[in-house]
Protein backbone atom coordinates (compact mmCIF):
# COMPACT_ATOMS: atom_id res chain seq x y z
CA MET A 1 -16.78 18.37 -65.87
CA TYR A 2 -13.29 17.95 -64.80
CA LYS A 3 -11.75 15.05 -62.91
CA ILE A 4 -9.93 15.89 -59.60
CA GLU A 5 -6.55 14.20 -59.17
CA PHE A 6 -4.06 14.54 -56.40
CA VAL A 7 -0.49 14.31 -57.55
CA SER A 8 0.56 12.21 -54.60
CA LYS A 9 -0.63 10.68 -51.26
CA ARG A 10 0.89 13.70 -49.61
CA VAL A 11 -2.00 15.86 -50.78
CA LYS A 12 -4.50 13.64 -49.10
CA LYS A 13 -2.48 13.78 -45.87
CA GLU A 14 -2.26 17.60 -46.11
CA ILE A 15 -6.14 17.78 -46.34
CA GLN A 16 -6.49 15.14 -43.46
CA SER A 17 -4.36 17.40 -41.29
CA LEU A 18 -6.73 20.36 -41.53
CA ASN A 19 -9.48 20.93 -39.03
CA PHE A 20 -13.05 20.10 -39.95
CA ASN A 21 -14.04 23.67 -41.05
CA GLU A 22 -10.88 23.88 -43.26
CA GLN A 23 -11.65 20.39 -44.74
CA GLN A 24 -15.25 21.68 -45.53
CA ILE A 25 -13.74 24.62 -47.43
CA VAL A 26 -11.53 22.29 -49.35
CA SER A 27 -14.46 20.12 -50.39
CA VAL A 28 -16.45 23.23 -51.55
CA ILE A 29 -13.31 24.42 -53.61
CA LEU A 30 -12.75 20.92 -55.34
CA ASP A 31 -16.45 20.76 -56.23
CA ALA A 32 -16.29 24.08 -57.82
CA LEU A 33 -13.07 23.15 -59.59
CA LYS A 34 -14.64 19.91 -60.68
CA LYS A 35 -17.54 21.79 -62.21
CA ASN A 36 -15.36 24.52 -63.69
CA ASP A 37 -17.29 27.04 -61.69
CA GLY A 38 -16.87 30.54 -62.96
CA ASN A 39 -17.54 31.98 -59.53
CA LEU A 40 -14.20 30.52 -58.32
CA VAL A 41 -11.50 33.11 -58.01
CA SER A 42 -8.15 31.53 -59.30
CA GLU A 43 -4.83 33.48 -59.81
CA LYS A 44 -1.90 32.47 -61.91
CA LEU A 45 1.45 32.63 -59.93
CA ASN A 46 3.96 35.17 -61.25
CA LYS A 47 6.85 32.75 -61.09
CA PHE A 48 4.97 29.69 -62.42
CA PRO A 49 2.21 30.84 -64.79
CA ASP A 50 1.00 27.18 -65.50
CA ILE A 51 0.24 26.77 -61.77
CA LYS A 52 -2.93 28.27 -60.33
CA ARG A 53 -3.92 29.07 -56.79
CA THR A 54 -7.26 29.57 -55.40
CA LYS A 55 -7.90 30.60 -51.78
CA LYS A 56 -10.65 31.02 -49.37
CA HIS A 57 -10.14 32.13 -45.79
CA ARG A 58 -6.69 30.61 -44.69
CA VAL A 59 -6.87 27.56 -46.99
CA ARG A 60 -4.58 27.60 -50.29
CA ILE A 61 -4.90 25.14 -53.03
CA PHE A 62 -2.30 25.00 -55.77
CA TYR A 63 -3.16 23.13 -58.98
CA LYS A 64 -2.74 22.74 -62.76
CA ILE A 65 -5.39 22.27 -65.31
CA ASP A 66 -4.90 19.53 -67.97
CA ASN A 67 -7.54 20.59 -70.49
CA ASP A 68 -6.69 17.74 -72.95
CA HIS A 69 -7.60 15.12 -70.29
CA LYS A 70 -10.22 17.18 -68.55
CA ARG A 71 -8.51 16.89 -65.29
CA ILE A 72 -7.31 19.08 -62.49
CA LEU A 73 -4.06 18.15 -60.84
CA ILE A 74 -3.95 19.19 -57.14
CA GLY A 75 -0.43 19.67 -56.11
CA LYS A 76 -0.70 21.24 -52.63
CA VAL A 77 -3.26 22.14 -49.94
CA CYS A 78 -1.97 24.21 -47.15
CA ILE A 79 -2.88 26.92 -44.64
CA ARG A 80 -1.55 30.39 -45.47
CA ASP A 81 1.70 30.95 -43.55
CA SER A 82 5.07 32.69 -44.24
CA SER A 83 6.44 29.58 -45.98
CA SER A 84 3.58 29.02 -48.32
CA TYR A 85 5.32 30.42 -51.37
CA ASN A 86 8.83 29.74 -50.43
CA HIS A 87 9.10 26.48 -52.71
CA ASP A 88 9.70 25.61 -56.22
CA MET A 89 6.15 24.72 -56.85
CA ARG A 90 7.05 22.78 -60.05
CA GLU A 91 8.47 20.09 -57.70
CA TRP A 92 4.93 19.31 -56.59
CA PHE A 93 3.85 18.34 -60.15
CA LYS A 94 7.13 16.66 -61.22
CA HIS A 95 5.56 13.15 -61.34
CA CYS A 96 2.58 14.25 -63.38
CA ALA A 97 2.38 13.24 -67.17
């Protein structure tokens, strides 16, 4: 079982800004990540192969897996829009050790 960690307070705020149904989706995804559930579809990003994305409906969660410490670092939770991928995603994880 993996431990879920948010890289900053910003991630909690992103989740809180979602509507109730979207928050439920995030909860289900985080539980599946925590259990390392094989049913969860995750994709490596072409530009940043160490960062993965999982999506369900309009919700996108960007994360990294730290197998050494059995933790999953959540870098961003957002709703799909035209700007979802227009960022240097490494910036979200720059404070992680």
